[in-house]
Amino acid sequence: MKVLAAMSGGVDSAVAAARAVEAGHDVVGVHLALSRMPGTLRTGSRGCCTIEDSNDAFRACETLGIPFYVWDFSERFKADVVDDFIDEYAAGRTPNPCLRCNEKIKFEALLDKAIALGFDAVVTGHYARVDQDGDGRPTLHRAADMAKDQSYVLGVLREDQLAHCWFPLAHAPTKAEVRAEAERRGLGVAEKPDSHDICFIPDGDTRGWLAEQIEMQPGKIIDQEGTQVGEHEGAQAFTVGQRRGLAIGHPAPDGKPRFVLSIRPKTNEVVVGPKEALAVDRLSGIRVSFAGAEPAEAASGAWMDVTVQVRAHGKPVPGRARWVADDEHGRRVEAELEETLNGVAPGQSMVLYTGDRVIGQATIASAHSSTWNPAALTA
């Protein structure tokens, strides 16, 4: 099988490529250049896709004896991930850029090019598993190591994409064992720290970075009753669930801390309130997709028992979901939760599971609370 190995420069992708080589496949390594700043270097474990990562990917391919190329996807990355991130925050929503990168770059732009060049599959170091259902159609599942499971950020993958995906680390019991394997194979990235935070904001200061991208206007901070309790320098710099940085200057009447409950970009207001008002038990999502065959319930509109996850390493919550027609978006998914989730923001993704299988995902349009007016949390 002719395989394209996406080489991030980290230990996971290096070991995944090594396993593909060991299995006897014709493997070619590719590193994606996503930044227009080629001199960028890592700061500890912050960031990814830097010149240092490119060099590490090259050395890993050299060790494995496979060809290495760099593909420049920086323009598409800026348009589909960075600009989308800015637009979503400007609209008062909280996007997930890693999920969007998987959707638009790694498993659309990269996969499309790989198939056009005659490759049979793309190999990555993601911790997830592709299997088949009873009809032989590809399905997406959680990895063996729940602590490293990345099926959430892969929930945007469609059936036709899963058919060309291979995740060799699906059954890896722990990250420690992956590092030990890298050491045995002589890969120099065995002890390289995992990347975290947003790759195009390597210093981790999302608020400061956004202030440079979006024209911020001062506005009111109000409570649930609409009473002004403070001022802000730009509503787009806040996200639902945030506590720090409000700078209200005086406590709530009950002395409890305040949290951001919603962002209102049209009126440039930030709504704050007690932590308990963040608890939501119903979600509505748009931009629906399925990771494999659509369940029968999706067509019938019947309720389906699922577990719902709204963050990459968030707690899966049991509930039920149904897919219904939507005049504006074609289709949306509604989810009712058996347990409440805190700080859910419009723009986040909810990924639906049955057991360890990913059913699909949607972008959260609204989150509803039993303790507060749902309209206040609507995007």
Protein backbone atom coordinates (compact mmCIF):
# COMPACT_ATOMS: atom_id res chain seq x y z
CA MET A 1 0.00 0.00 0.00
CA LYS A 2 1.26 3.48 -0.86
CA VAL A 3 1.06 5.57 2.28
CA LEU A 4 1.55 9.27 2.98
CA ALA A 5 2.73 9.87 6.55
CA ALA A 6 1.81 13.29 7.92
CA MET A 7 4.88 14.21 9.98
CA SER A 8 4.24 16.92 12.55
CA GLY A 9 7.72 16.69 14.03
CA GLY A 10 6.43 15.06 17.20
CA VAL A 11 6.89 11.62 18.68
CA ASP A 12 3.42 10.32 17.81
CA SER A 13 3.63 10.93 14.07
CA ALA A 14 7.18 9.57 13.99
CA VAL A 15 6.18 6.29 15.63
CA ALA A 16 3.07 6.03 13.43
CA ALA A 17 5.25 6.38 10.33
CA ALA A 18 7.74 3.85 11.71
CA ARG A 19 4.96 1.30 12.19
CA ALA A 20 3.78 1.86 8.61
CA VAL A 21 7.33 1.28 7.32
CA GLU A 22 7.72 -1.82 9.49
CA ALA A 23 4.44 -3.19 8.08
CA GLY A 24 6.03 -3.16 4.64
CA HIS A 25 4.21 -0.25 3.05
CA ASP A 26 5.66 2.28 0.61
CA VAL A 27 5.80 5.31 2.90
CA VAL A 28 6.52 8.95 2.09
CA GLY A 29 6.78 11.57 4.83
CA VAL A 30 5.26 15.03 4.48
CA HIS A 31 5.43 17.98 6.85
CA LEU A 32 2.83 20.71 6.49
CA ALA A 33 4.14 24.28 6.48
CA LEU A 34 1.25 26.19 8.01
CA SER A 35 2.97 29.40 9.06
CA ARG A 36 4.17 32.35 6.99
CA MET A 37 6.88 32.90 9.63
CA PRO A 38 9.51 30.26 8.75
CA GLY A 39 11.88 31.45 11.47
CA THR A 40 9.42 30.69 14.24
CA LEU A 41 10.80 28.49 17.00
CA ARG A 42 9.04 26.61 19.72
CA THR A 43 8.80 27.89 23.29
CA GLY A 44 8.92 24.73 25.39
CA SER A 45 5.82 22.75 24.53
CA ARG A 46 3.90 25.68 23.09
CA GLY A 47 2.99 25.79 19.45
CA CYS A 48 3.59 23.37 16.60
CA CYS A 49 4.35 23.45 12.87
CA THR A 50 7.49 25.55 13.47
CA ILE A 51 10.84 25.35 11.69
CA GLU A 52 12.06 23.24 14.59
CA ASP A 53 9.19 20.81 14.03
CA SER A 54 10.00 20.64 10.32
CA ASN A 55 13.62 19.78 11.10
CA ASP A 56 12.54 17.12 13.59
CA ALA A 57 10.22 15.61 10.99
CA PHE A 58 13.05 15.54 8.44
CA ARG A 59 15.39 13.78 10.87
CA ALA A 60 12.72 11.20 11.73
CA CYS A 61 12.23 10.41 8.04
CA GLU A 62 15.99 10.19 7.59
CA THR A 63 16.17 7.66 10.42
CA LEU A 64 13.34 5.64 8.89
CA GLY A 65 14.88 5.79 5.42
CA ILE A 66 11.84 7.31 3.72
CA PRO A 67 11.51 10.34 1.41
CA PHE A 68 10.59 13.65 3.04
CA TYR A 69 8.75 16.63 1.59
CA VAL A 70 7.34 19.89 2.90
CA TRP A 71 3.97 21.00 1.53
CA ASP A 72 3.05 24.65 1.91
CA PHE A 73 -0.55 24.91 3.09
CA SER A 74 -0.04 28.25 4.85
CA GLU A 75 -2.50 30.23 2.71
CA ARG A 76 -5.25 27.67 3.14
CA PHE A 77 -4.48 27.38 6.86
CA LYS A 78 -4.83 31.14 7.27
CA ALA A 79 -8.14 31.23 5.38
CA ASP A 80 -9.76 28.10 6.84
CA VAL A 81 -8.40 28.08 10.39
CA VAL A 82 -6.90 31.41 11.46
CA ASP A 83 -9.42 33.70 9.73
CA ASP A 84 -12.26 31.41 10.81
CA PHE A 85 -11.00 31.65 14.39
CA ILE A 86 -11.02 35.44 14.23
CA ASP A 87 -14.45 35.59 12.59
CA GLU A 88 -15.97 33.27 15.17
CA TYR A 89 -14.66 35.29 18.11
CA ALA A 90 -15.80 38.51 16.43
CA ALA A 91 -19.29 36.99 16.31
CA GLY A 92 -19.19 36.16 20.02
CA ARG A 93 -18.55 32.43 19.56
CA THR A 94 -15.76 30.19 20.84
CA PRO A 95 -14.28 28.03 18.05
CA ASN A 96 -12.03 24.96 18.21
CA PRO A 97 -9.15 25.64 15.77
CA CYS A 98 -7.61 22.16 16.15
CA LEU A 99 -10.85 20.52 15.07
CA ARG A 100 -11.17 22.96 12.19
CA CYS A 101 -7.57 22.22 11.15
CA ASN A 102 -8.32 18.50 11.03
CA GLU A 103 -11.45 19.15 9.00
CA LYS A 104 -10.07 21.64 6.48
CA ILE A 105 -6.32 20.98 6.33
CA LYS A 106 -5.16 17.54 7.48
CA PHE A 107 -8.10 15.51 6.23
CA GLU A 108 -9.38 17.62 3.37
CA ALA A 109 -6.58 19.56 1.70
CA LEU A 110 -3.88 17.00 2.59
CA LEU A 111 -6.01 13.92 1.95
CA ASP A 112 -7.36 15.27 -1.35
CA LYS A 113 -3.84 15.95 -2.59
CA ALA A 114 -2.59 12.57 -1.40
CA ILE A 115 -5.35 10.72 -3.26
CA ALA A 116 -4.74 12.81 -6.38
CA LEU A 117 -1.08 11.74 -6.25
CA GLY A 118 -2.01 8.08 -6.04
CA PHE A 119 -1.61 7.39 -2.33
CA ASP A 120 -3.94 4.82 -0.78
CA ALA A 121 -3.98 6.20 2.76
CA VAL A 122 -2.80 8.98 5.01
CA VAL A 123 -1.14 7.93 8.27
CA THR A 124 -1.08 10.23 11.30
CA GLY A 125 -0.15 9.92 14.95
CA HIS A 126 -3.66 10.59 16.22
CA TYR A 127 -4.96 8.40 19.03
CA ALA A 128 -8.17 7.05 17.52
CA ARG A 129 -9.32 3.93 15.69
CA VAL A 130 -10.93 3.31 12.31
CA ASP A 131 -12.98 0.12 12.14
CA GLN A 132 -15.80 -1.21 9.97
CA ASP A 133 -19.48 -1.70 10.64
CA GLY A 134 -21.46 -4.80 9.68
CA ASP A 135 -21.76 -3.55 6.10
CA GLY A 136 -18.02 -3.00 5.76
CA ARG A 137 -18.28 0.78 5.97
CA PRO A 138 -15.60 2.69 7.91
CA THR A 139 -16.38 3.90 11.43
CA LEU A 140 -14.46 6.07 13.90
CA HIS A 141 -13.83 4.94 17.49
CA ARG A 142 -12.02 6.02 20.64
CA ALA A 143 -8.42 4.94 21.15
CA ALA A 144 -7.38 2.36 23.72
CA ASP A 145 -5.76 5.05 25.88
CA MET A 146 -8.62 7.30 27.02
CA ALA A 147 -6.12 9.77 28.48
CA LYS A 148 -4.79 10.43 24.97
CA ASP A 149 -7.96 9.75 22.95
CA GLN A 150 -8.32 12.24 20.10
CA SER A 151 -11.54 10.99 18.52
CA TYR A 152 -13.22 14.25 19.58
CA VAL A 153 -11.06 16.42 17.30
CA LEU A 154 -11.50 13.87 14.50
CA GLY A 155 -15.29 13.85 14.83
CA VAL A 156 -15.55 16.07 11.73
CA LEU A 157 -14.25 13.29 9.45
CA ARG A 158 -16.71 11.89 6.92
CA GLU A 159 -17.10 8.30 5.78
CA ASP A 160 -15.24 8.90 2.50
CA GLN A 161 -12.31 10.40 4.43
CA LEU A 162 -12.20 7.65 7.04
CA ALA A 163 -11.84 5.14 4.20
CA HIS A 164 -8.36 6.57 3.56
CA CYS A 165 -7.24 7.17 7.17
CA TRP A 166 -4.90 4.98 9.21
CA PHE A 167 -4.10 5.65 12.86
CA PRO A 168 -1.40 3.14 13.90
CA LEU A 169 -1.45 4.32 17.55
CA ALA A 170 -5.09 3.30 18.03
CA HIS A 171 -4.19 0.43 20.35
CA ALA A 172 -1.20 2.03 22.11
CA PRO A 173 -1.78 1.44 25.84
CA THR A 174 -0.03 4.62 27.03
CA LYS A 175 1.95 7.57 25.73
CA ALA A 176 4.89 6.39 27.83
CA GLU A 177 5.08 3.21 25.77
CA VAL A 178 4.98 5.21 22.54
CA ARG A 179 7.94 7.25 23.78
CA ALA A 180 9.78 4.07 24.77
CA GLU A 181 9.18 2.68 21.28
CA ALA A 182 10.54 5.86 19.72
CA GLU A 183 13.66 5.50 21.86
CA ARG A 184 14.13 1.88 20.75
CA ARG A 185 13.79 2.92 17.13
CA GLY A 186 16.42 5.64 17.52
CA LEU A 187 14.01 8.49 16.86
CA GLY A 188 15.38 11.72 18.29
CA VAL A 189 11.94 13.02 19.23
CA ALA A 190 11.34 10.36 21.89
CA GLU A 191 11.40 12.88 24.74
CA LYS A 192 10.09 15.89 22.86
CA PRO A 193 7.28 17.60 24.84
CA ASP A 194 3.74 17.42 23.54
CA SER A 195 2.51 20.59 21.91
CA HIS A 196 -0.42 22.39 23.47
CA ASP A 197 -2.31 25.65 23.20
CA ILE A 198 -3.21 27.17 19.84
CA CYS A 199 -0.37 26.68 17.36
CA PHE A 200 -0.67 30.17 15.84
CA ILE A 201 -0.70 31.78 19.30
CA PRO A 202 2.42 30.11 20.75
CA ASP A 203 2.71 32.43 23.76
CA GLY A 204 -0.77 31.33 24.92
CA ASP A 205 -2.12 34.89 25.18
CA THR A 206 -5.31 34.40 23.16
CA ARG A 207 -6.90 37.57 24.49
CA GLY A 208 -3.90 39.73 23.60
CA TRP A 209 -3.63 38.14 20.16
CA LEU A 210 -7.32 38.72 19.42
CA ALA A 211 -6.99 42.36 20.46
CA GLU A 212 -4.51 42.78 17.59
CA GLN A 213 -6.84 41.12 15.07
CA ILE A 214 -10.26 42.51 16.00
CA GLU A 215 -11.19 46.14 16.49
CA MET A 216 -12.27 46.17 20.11
CA GLN A 217 -14.84 48.61 21.41
CA PRO A 218 -15.52 49.35 25.09
CA GLY A 219 -18.90 48.25 26.37
CA LYS A 220 -20.98 47.21 29.33
CA ILE A 221 -20.68 44.22 31.61
CA ILE A 222 -24.19 43.42 32.83
CA ASP A 223 -25.74 40.90 35.19
CA GLN A 224 -28.63 38.54 34.47
CA GLU A 225 -31.17 41.28 35.19
CA GLY A 226 -29.51 43.66 32.72
CA THR A 227 -27.97 45.91 35.37
CA GLN A 228 -24.56 47.28 34.48
CA VAL A 229 -21.89 46.05 36.90
CA GLY A 230 -18.77 47.04 35.00
CA GLU A 231 -17.12 47.87 31.70
CA HIS A 232 -14.99 45.91 29.27
CA GLU A 233 -12.52 46.90 26.55
CA GLY A 234 -13.88 44.47 23.97
CA ALA A 235 -16.53 41.76 24.26
CA GLN A 236 -14.82 39.54 21.69
CA ALA A 237 -11.94 38.87 24.07
CA PHE A 238 -14.20 36.97 26.47
CA THR A 239 -15.58 33.45 26.40
CA VAL A 240 -18.39 31.72 28.24
CA GLY A 241 -17.26 30.35 31.60
CA GLN A 242 -14.45 32.86 32.01
CA ARG A 243 -13.85 34.20 35.51
CA ARG A 244 -10.51 35.98 35.37
CA GLY A 245 -10.03 39.31 33.68
CA LEU A 246 -13.49 40.74 34.32
CA ALA A 247 -12.10 43.55 36.49
CA ILE A 248 -15.53 44.45 37.84
CA GLY A 249 -14.00 45.84 41.01
CA HIS A 250 -16.71 44.89 43.48
CA PRO A 251 -18.29 41.57 44.46
CA ALA A 252 -21.79 40.35 43.68
CA PRO A 253 -24.42 41.03 46.39
CA ASP A 254 -24.07 37.46 47.65
CA GLY A 255 -20.27 37.71 47.65
CA LYS A 256 -19.86 34.90 45.12
CA PRO A 257 -17.55 35.24 42.10
CA ARG A 258 -19.04 36.12 38.73
CA PHE A 259 -18.53 34.22 35.50
CA VAL A 260 -19.18 35.11 31.87
CA LEU A 261 -22.56 33.66 30.91
CA SER A 262 -22.86 34.96 27.36
CA ILE A 263 -21.39 37.35 24.81
CA ARG A 264 -23.73 39.71 22.95
CA PRO A 265 -21.78 41.09 19.97
CA LYS A 266 -24.73 43.05 18.55
CA THR A 267 -25.00 45.16 21.70
CA ASN A 268 -21.33 44.73 22.68
CA GLU A 269 -22.33 43.42 26.11
CA VAL A 270 -20.85 40.74 28.33
CA VAL A 271 -23.36 39.03 30.61
CA VAL A 272 -22.06 37.74 33.95
CA GLY A 273 -23.58 35.77 36.80
CA PRO A 274 -23.07 32.96 39.31
CA LYS A 275 -21.38 29.70 38.44
CA GLU A 276 -24.61 27.72 38.75
CA ALA A 277 -26.07 29.67 35.82
CA LEU A 278 -23.40 28.09 33.59
CA ALA A 279 -24.95 24.64 33.97
CA VAL A 280 -26.70 23.59 30.75
CA ASP A 281 -28.70 20.47 30.00
CA ARG A 282 -29.80 21.03 26.39
CA LEU A 283 -27.75 21.79 23.30
CA SER A 284 -28.60 22.63 19.72
CA GLY A 285 -26.03 22.23 16.96
CA ILE A 286 -25.62 23.14 13.29
CA ARG A 287 -23.04 22.22 10.60
CA VAL A 288 -23.95 18.58 11.19
CA SER A 289 -21.73 15.77 9.89
CA PHE A 290 -21.46 12.02 10.43
CA ALA A 291 -18.31 9.94 10.99
CA GLY A 292 -19.50 6.99 8.95
CA ALA A 293 -22.95 5.88 7.92
CA GLU A 294 -25.81 7.99 9.23
CA PRO A 295 -27.84 6.23 11.91
CA ALA A 296 -31.43 5.40 11.02
CA GLU A 297 -32.58 7.87 13.69
CA ALA A 298 -30.97 10.73 11.75
CA ALA A 299 -33.41 10.22 8.90
CA SER A 300 -36.48 9.46 11.00
CA GLY A 301 -36.02 12.22 13.59
CA ALA A 302 -36.33 9.68 16.42
CA TRP A 303 -34.41 10.15 19.64
CA MET A 304 -31.17 8.16 19.96
CA ASP A 305 -29.28 7.34 23.16
CA VAL A 306 -25.81 8.91 22.99
CA THR A 307 -23.00 10.32 25.06
CA VAL A 308 -22.07 13.94 24.37
CA GLN A 309 -18.59 15.47 24.60
CA VAL A 310 -18.02 19.21 24.17
CA ARG A 311 -14.26 19.50 24.78
CA ALA A 312 -11.24 17.57 23.55
CA HIS A 313 -10.67 15.96 26.93
CA GLY A 314 -13.99 16.78 28.51
CA LYS A 315 -16.17 14.35 30.39
CA PRO A 316 -18.61 12.43 28.13
CA VAL A 317 -22.16 12.96 29.40
CA PRO A 318 -25.03 10.53 28.72
CA GLY A 319 -28.16 11.80 27.04
CA ARG A 320 -30.16 11.52 23.88
CA ALA A 321 -30.11 13.28 20.52
CA ARG A 322 -32.24 13.72 17.44
CA TRP A 323 -31.66 15.29 14.06
CA VAL A 324 -34.33 17.64 12.72
CA ALA A 325 -34.86 19.79 9.65
CA ASP A 326 -33.73 23.42 9.86
CA ASP A 327 -34.80 26.06 7.35
CA GLU A 328 -31.55 28.03 7.65
CA HIS A 329 -28.98 25.26 8.06
CA GLY A 330 -30.64 22.29 6.40
CA ARG A 331 -30.39 20.15 9.49
CA ARG A 332 -29.57 20.55 13.14
CA VAL A 333 -29.10 18.20 16.06
CA GLU A 334 -30.77 18.61 19.44
CA ALA A 335 -29.30 16.96 22.52
CA GLU A 336 -30.79 16.52 25.98
CA LEU A 337 -28.31 15.69 28.74
CA GLU A 338 -28.80 13.54 31.82
CA GLU A 339 -26.09 15.56 33.59
CA THR A 340 -25.37 19.25 33.28
CA LEU A 341 -22.29 20.64 31.60
CA ASN A 342 -20.68 23.92 32.68
CA GLY A 343 -19.47 26.80 30.56
CA VAL A 344 -20.63 25.56 27.16
CA ALA A 345 -20.18 28.28 24.54
CA PRO A 346 -21.72 28.73 21.10
CA GLY A 347 -19.07 27.83 18.52
CA GLN A 348 -17.76 24.81 20.40
CA SER A 349 -18.26 21.39 18.87
CA MET A 350 -20.35 18.64 20.37
CA VAL A 351 -19.32 15.15 19.34
CA LEU A 352 -21.85 12.36 19.77
CA TYR A 353 -20.89 8.80 20.66
CA THR A 354 -22.58 5.47 21.15
CA GLY A 355 -20.23 3.34 23.21
CA ASP A 356 -16.75 4.10 21.88
CA ARG A 357 -17.99 4.87 18.37
CA VAL A 358 -18.25 8.42 17.06
CA ILE A 359 -21.64 9.01 15.46
CA GLY A 360 -20.95 12.55 14.30
CA GLN A 361 -20.65 16.14 15.38
CA ALA A 362 -22.16 19.60 15.17
CA THR A 363 -21.18 23.16 16.01
CA ILE A 364 -23.07 24.35 19.06
CA ALA A 365 -25.47 27.15 18.14
CA SER A 366 -27.16 27.46 21.52
CA ALA A 367 -26.89 26.01 25.01
CA HIS A 368 -29.89 25.99 27.31
CA SER A 369 -29.95 26.21 31.08
CA SER A 370 -32.75 25.09 33.39
CA THR A 371 -31.69 27.76 35.89
CA TRP A 372 -31.68 30.78 33.58
CA ASN A 373 -33.38 32.19 30.48
CA PRO A 374 -32.07 30.09 27.57
CA ALA A 375 -32.22 33.05 25.19
CA ALA A 376 -29.39 34.67 27.10
CA LEU A 377 -27.05 31.88 26.05
CA THR A 378 -28.09 31.81 22.40
CA ALA A 379 -25.52 32.67 19.75
